[in-house]
Amino acid sequence: MQLEQLTLAVCAIAKQAGAFIRQERQRFRQESVERKHVHDYVSYVDKQSELYIVSALRQLLPEAGFITEEGSAGYDRQSFCWVVDPLDGTTNFLHQFPPYAVSIALISGHELLVGVVYEVCADECFYAWQGGGAWLGHADSVTRLHVSRQDYANALVCTQLPYDSDAYQPVIQSLISQFYGTVASLRMLGSAAIALCYVAAGRLDAYVEKYIGRWDYMAGALLVQEAGGRVTNYEGAEAFVGGNEVVATNGLIHDPVCTACQKALQSTLN
């Protein structure tokens, strides 16, 4: 199966999982919430969404392994690997606060092949395949995505608050200090996957986060790249796949954004 065909098939799977999430949100009860770690939550919705996605992806590409947030399938050095977040933005979901999404990527080693992110609340499906551009499907329309051309002083920058607050608190405090007053404004969405898609779509100009899982950023990273943007780690290195930090920008402001991230990390060592 060609990458474009495979990507469109993954879009259908992501939308089906999203329909389940949307349906369950209507009858969800807080008693169903489980705590994985401090401020890190999961429910039967995450778990059942993941089981469905894994089963459907196995039919598409039986030889592939899996890296999934809820651990329902494994990876044993197969040539291909699906990276799945069945519900990115669980805390948002629990509070009926958009956005939240299904995120699915296909990788081979450190190579990104397919990325699909379905935003449940807005019914927006962001998708990309290697060399094929980045796209947004909504209702009956399809639009090709391009990053913004915004400069640093006028940039809308997104940061996040990962669950590892003890480690990240000094970093985020320094990051806010670096950005606030030097860029147009800051935002926090509560979904790394959607933040990356918004960079790809030109709605945001940059997104930075540390201490996140691969399932959070893998699909969105390919979207940014295929939309003409740049994705690295905090040091500006292209080898971000497999790490726990991401800087994604329109490319024009990548260097100053990385500089701010490096200063933030350095400040925690002083």
Protein backbone atom coordinates (compact mmCIF):
# COMPACT_ATOMS: atom_id res chain seq x y z
CA MET A 1 0.00 0.00 0.00
CA GLN A 2 1.35 3.44 -0.95
CA LEU A 3 1.88 6.04 1.78
CA GLU A 4 -0.95 8.27 0.57
CA GLN A 5 -3.43 5.40 0.57
CA LEU A 6 -2.16 4.22 3.95
CA THR A 7 -2.53 7.72 5.38
CA LEU A 8 -6.13 8.06 4.21
CA ALA A 9 -6.92 4.68 5.73
CA VAL A 10 -5.42 5.84 9.04
CA CYS A 11 -7.56 9.00 8.83
CA ALA A 12 -10.66 6.80 8.72
CA ILE A 13 -9.47 4.88 11.80
CA ALA A 14 -8.72 8.08 13.70
CA LYS A 15 -12.15 9.51 12.85
CA GLN A 16 -13.86 6.33 14.03
CA ALA A 17 -11.97 6.46 17.32
CA GLY A 18 -12.89 10.15 17.57
CA ALA A 19 -16.56 9.34 17.07
CA PHE A 20 -16.36 6.91 19.99
CA ILE A 21 -14.68 9.55 22.16
CA ARG A 22 -17.33 12.13 21.23
CA GLN A 23 -20.12 9.70 22.04
CA GLU A 24 -18.65 8.68 25.39
CA ARG A 25 -18.12 12.30 26.42
CA GLN A 26 -21.90 12.73 26.49
CA ARG A 27 -22.34 10.06 29.17
CA PHE A 28 -18.99 10.17 30.90
CA ARG A 29 -18.87 10.17 34.71
CA GLN A 30 -15.96 11.41 36.81
CA GLU A 31 -16.04 8.15 38.78
CA SER A 32 -14.53 6.50 35.69
CA VAL A 33 -11.27 8.45 36.02
CA GLU A 34 -8.10 6.66 37.11
CA ARG A 35 -4.86 8.34 38.19
CA LYS A 36 -1.68 7.02 36.54
CA HIS A 37 0.62 9.52 38.24
CA VAL A 38 0.15 12.83 40.02
CA HIS A 39 -2.07 14.97 37.75
CA ASP A 40 -1.86 12.30 35.03
CA TYR A 41 -5.24 10.74 34.33
CA VAL A 42 -6.74 7.94 32.24
CA SER A 43 -10.18 6.41 31.77
CA TYR A 44 -11.88 3.57 29.96
CA VAL A 45 -12.31 5.98 27.02
CA ASP A 46 -8.52 6.20 26.48
CA LYS A 47 -8.14 2.45 26.86
CA GLN A 48 -11.00 1.39 24.60
CA SER A 49 -10.01 3.95 21.97
CA GLU A 50 -6.50 2.50 21.97
CA LEU A 51 -7.72 -1.10 21.69
CA TYR A 52 -9.82 -0.19 18.65
CA ILE A 53 -6.98 1.74 16.99
CA VAL A 54 -4.44 -1.03 17.56
CA SER A 55 -6.78 -3.68 16.17
CA ALA A 56 -7.55 -1.61 13.07
CA LEU A 57 -3.91 -0.70 12.41
CA ARG A 58 -2.89 -4.35 12.70
CA GLN A 59 -5.19 -5.12 9.79
CA LEU A 60 -3.58 -2.35 7.74
CA LEU A 61 0.03 -3.31 8.41
CA PRO A 62 0.33 -6.66 10.22
CA GLU A 63 4.14 -6.56 10.30
CA ALA A 64 4.34 -3.31 12.32
CA GLY A 65 4.96 -2.96 16.05
CA PHE A 66 3.43 -0.42 18.41
CA ILE A 67 4.40 2.29 20.87
CA THR A 68 1.19 3.29 22.64
CA GLU A 69 0.46 5.54 25.58
CA GLU A 70 -1.67 3.02 27.42
CA GLY A 71 0.59 0.05 26.64
CA SER A 72 -1.96 -2.22 24.96
CA ALA A 73 0.57 -3.36 22.32
CA GLY A 74 4.34 -3.62 22.07
CA TYR A 75 7.33 -2.99 19.85
CA ASP A 76 9.99 -5.65 19.27
CA ARG A 77 12.31 -3.99 16.74
CA GLN A 78 9.98 -4.43 13.79
CA SER A 79 10.86 -2.46 10.65
CA PHE A 80 7.73 -0.34 11.07
CA CYS A 81 6.15 1.01 14.24
CA TRP A 82 2.85 2.74 14.92
CA VAL A 83 3.03 5.43 17.60
CA VAL A 84 -0.41 5.97 19.11
CA ASP A 85 -2.00 8.39 21.53
CA PRO A 86 -5.66 7.31 21.72
CA LEU A 87 -6.73 10.51 23.47
CA ASP A 88 -4.26 13.39 23.57
CA GLY A 89 -5.54 16.02 25.98
CA THR A 90 -7.19 13.69 28.48
CA THR A 91 -7.41 16.41 31.14
CA ASN A 92 -9.19 18.64 28.62
CA PHE A 93 -11.58 15.78 27.81
CA LEU A 94 -12.37 15.22 31.48
CA HIS A 95 -13.29 18.89 31.86
CA GLN A 96 -15.19 19.15 28.55
CA PHE A 97 -12.58 21.68 27.47
CA PRO A 98 -11.35 21.51 23.85
CA PRO A 99 -9.14 20.57 22.17
CA TYR A 100 -8.48 16.85 22.48
CA ALA A 101 -7.47 14.47 19.76
CA VAL A 102 -6.47 11.07 18.42
CA SER A 103 -2.84 10.97 17.25
CA ILE A 104 -1.34 8.22 15.08
CA ALA A 105 2.09 8.12 13.44
CA LEU A 106 4.00 5.50 11.49
CA ILE A 107 7.77 5.44 11.77
CA SER A 108 10.61 3.32 10.45
CA GLY A 109 13.61 3.70 12.71
CA HIS A 110 13.88 7.47 13.17
CA GLU A 111 12.09 8.18 9.89
CA LEU A 112 8.59 9.69 10.01
CA LEU A 113 6.35 8.18 7.34
CA VAL A 114 2.74 8.99 8.26
CA GLY A 115 1.11 11.41 10.68
CA VAL A 116 -2.61 11.73 11.44
CA VAL A 117 -4.21 13.86 14.15
CA TYR A 118 -8.00 14.01 14.48
CA GLU A 119 -9.34 16.85 16.62
CA VAL A 120 -12.57 15.50 18.07
CA CYS A 121 -14.38 18.71 19.04
CA ALA A 122 -13.84 20.61 15.78
CA ASP A 123 -14.08 17.51 13.55
CA GLU A 124 -10.76 18.42 11.91
CA CYS A 125 -8.47 15.74 10.52
CA PHE A 126 -4.85 16.83 10.04
CA TYR A 127 -2.73 14.41 8.03
CA ALA A 128 0.58 14.09 6.23
CA TRP A 129 2.77 11.47 4.62
CA GLN A 130 6.46 11.67 3.85
CA GLY A 131 6.99 13.84 0.78
CA GLY A 132 3.26 14.38 0.26
CA GLY A 133 2.63 17.67 2.03
CA ALA A 134 0.37 18.38 5.03
CA TRP A 135 -3.39 18.51 4.74
CA LEU A 136 -6.53 19.38 6.70
CA GLY A 137 -9.80 17.59 6.04
CA HIS A 138 -12.94 19.20 7.43
CA ALA A 139 -16.50 18.28 6.43
CA ASP A 140 -16.36 18.05 2.61
CA SER A 141 -13.26 20.19 2.08
CA VAL A 142 -9.53 19.46 1.99
CA THR A 143 -6.92 22.20 2.39
CA ARG A 144 -3.17 22.03 2.00
CA LEU A 145 -1.36 23.39 5.05
CA HIS A 146 1.49 25.87 5.16
CA VAL A 147 3.28 27.31 8.16
CA SER A 148 3.10 31.05 8.82
CA ARG A 149 5.58 33.70 7.70
CA GLN A 150 5.41 35.55 11.01
CA ASP A 151 8.50 37.10 12.56
CA TYR A 152 9.62 36.58 16.16
CA ALA A 153 8.31 39.84 17.60
CA ASN A 154 4.81 39.12 16.27
CA ALA A 155 4.78 35.38 16.91
CA LEU A 156 2.09 33.49 18.78
CA VAL A 157 4.01 30.87 20.78
CA CYS A 158 2.53 27.81 22.48
CA THR A 159 3.99 26.13 25.55
CA GLN A 160 2.55 23.33 27.67
CA LEU A 161 2.58 22.06 31.24
CA PRO A 162 3.60 18.38 31.27
CA TYR A 163 2.83 16.19 34.26
CA ASP A 164 6.40 16.13 35.58
CA SER A 165 5.93 19.43 37.38
CA ASP A 166 8.88 18.99 39.75
CA ALA A 167 11.31 18.78 36.85
CA TYR A 168 9.59 21.20 34.50
CA GLN A 169 8.49 24.02 36.82
CA PRO A 170 11.81 25.94 36.75
CA VAL A 171 12.05 25.44 32.97
CA ILE A 172 8.57 26.76 32.21
CA GLN A 173 9.01 29.70 34.54
CA SER A 174 12.17 30.67 32.70
CA LEU A 175 10.56 30.05 29.30
CA ILE A 176 7.66 32.34 30.09
CA SER A 177 10.14 34.96 31.23
CA GLN A 178 12.07 34.55 27.96
CA PHE A 179 9.01 34.84 25.73
CA TYR A 180 6.67 37.18 27.59
CA GLY A 181 7.07 40.69 26.26
CA THR A 182 9.32 39.65 23.36
CA VAL A 183 6.76 37.74 21.26
CA ALA A 184 3.17 38.73 20.52
CA SER A 185 1.65 36.35 23.08
CA LEU A 186 1.70 32.90 24.67
CA ARG A 187 -0.88 30.12 24.68
CA MET A 188 -1.35 26.71 26.33
CA LEU A 189 -3.74 24.31 24.61
CA GLY A 190 -3.46 21.15 26.71
CA SER A 191 -2.78 18.98 23.65
CA ALA A 192 0.70 18.67 22.18
CA ALA A 193 -0.63 16.97 19.05
CA ILE A 194 -3.01 19.83 18.31
CA ALA A 195 -0.41 22.49 19.10
CA LEU A 196 1.85 20.96 16.44
CA CYS A 197 -1.02 20.82 13.95
CA TYR A 198 -1.74 24.49 14.60
CA VAL A 199 1.89 25.33 13.81
CA ALA A 200 1.52 23.38 10.56
CA ALA A 201 -1.68 25.29 9.78
CA GLY A 202 -0.16 28.69 10.58
CA ARG A 203 -2.48 29.25 13.54
CA LEU A 204 0.51 29.18 15.86
CA ASP A 205 4.02 30.24 14.93
CA ALA A 206 5.93 28.07 17.42
CA TYR A 207 5.42 25.33 19.99
CA VAL A 208 7.88 24.13 22.64
CA GLU A 209 7.63 21.43 25.29
CA LYS A 210 9.82 19.12 27.32
CA TYR A 211 9.14 15.90 29.27
CA ILE A 212 6.57 14.57 26.82
CA GLY A 213 6.04 11.13 25.31
CA ARG A 214 6.70 10.15 21.72
CA TRP A 215 2.98 9.50 21.17
CA ASP A 216 2.35 13.18 22.00
CA TYR A 217 4.41 14.69 19.20
CA MET A 218 5.31 12.15 16.52
CA ALA A 219 2.36 12.62 14.16
CA GLY A 220 2.25 16.40 14.58
CA ALA A 221 5.98 16.73 13.96
CA LEU A 222 5.61 15.26 10.48
CA LEU A 223 2.75 17.67 9.77
CA VAL A 224 4.95 20.64 10.67
CA GLN A 225 7.78 19.39 8.49
CA GLU A 226 5.53 18.69 5.52
CA ALA A 227 3.92 22.14 5.91
CA GLY A 228 7.32 23.78 5.50
CA GLY A 229 8.25 24.25 9.15
CA ARG A 230 11.11 22.98 11.24
CA VAL A 231 11.19 20.55 14.18
CA THR A 232 14.18 19.94 16.47
CA ASN A 233 15.05 19.35 20.09
CA TYR A 234 15.85 22.26 22.42
CA GLU A 235 19.45 22.32 21.20
CA GLY A 236 18.35 22.71 17.61
CA ALA A 237 19.35 19.18 16.59
CA GLU A 238 17.22 17.47 13.96
CA ALA A 239 17.40 14.11 15.79
CA PHE A 240 14.36 14.76 17.99
CA VAL A 241 12.60 11.42 17.32
CA GLY A 242 12.81 9.27 20.43
CA GLY A 243 13.54 12.18 22.75
CA ASN A 244 11.28 13.94 25.23
CA GLU A 245 11.48 17.52 23.98
CA VAL A 246 10.30 19.34 20.87
CA VAL A 247 10.69 22.76 19.30
CA ALA A 248 8.44 23.26 16.27
CA THR A 249 8.28 26.55 14.38
CA ASN A 250 7.56 28.13 11.03
CA GLY A 251 11.33 27.95 10.44
CA LEU A 252 11.82 31.71 10.28
CA ILE A 253 11.88 32.09 14.06
CA HIS A 254 13.44 28.75 14.93
CA ASP A 255 16.82 30.03 16.05
CA PRO A 256 15.56 32.62 18.58
CA VAL A 257 13.00 30.14 19.91
CA CYS A 258 15.72 27.53 20.44
CA THR A 259 17.92 30.15 22.08
CA ALA A 260 15.12 30.91 24.56
CA CYS A 261 14.73 27.19 25.28
CA GLN A 262 18.46 26.75 25.86
CA LYS A 263 18.55 29.71 28.21
CA ALA A 264 15.61 28.28 30.13
CA LEU A 265 17.39 24.96 30.56
CA GLN A 266 20.63 26.66 31.52
CA SER A 267 18.89 28.74 34.16
CA THR A 268 17.89 25.54 35.99
CA LEU A 269 21.57 24.60 36.32
CA ASN A 270 22.65 27.88 37.86
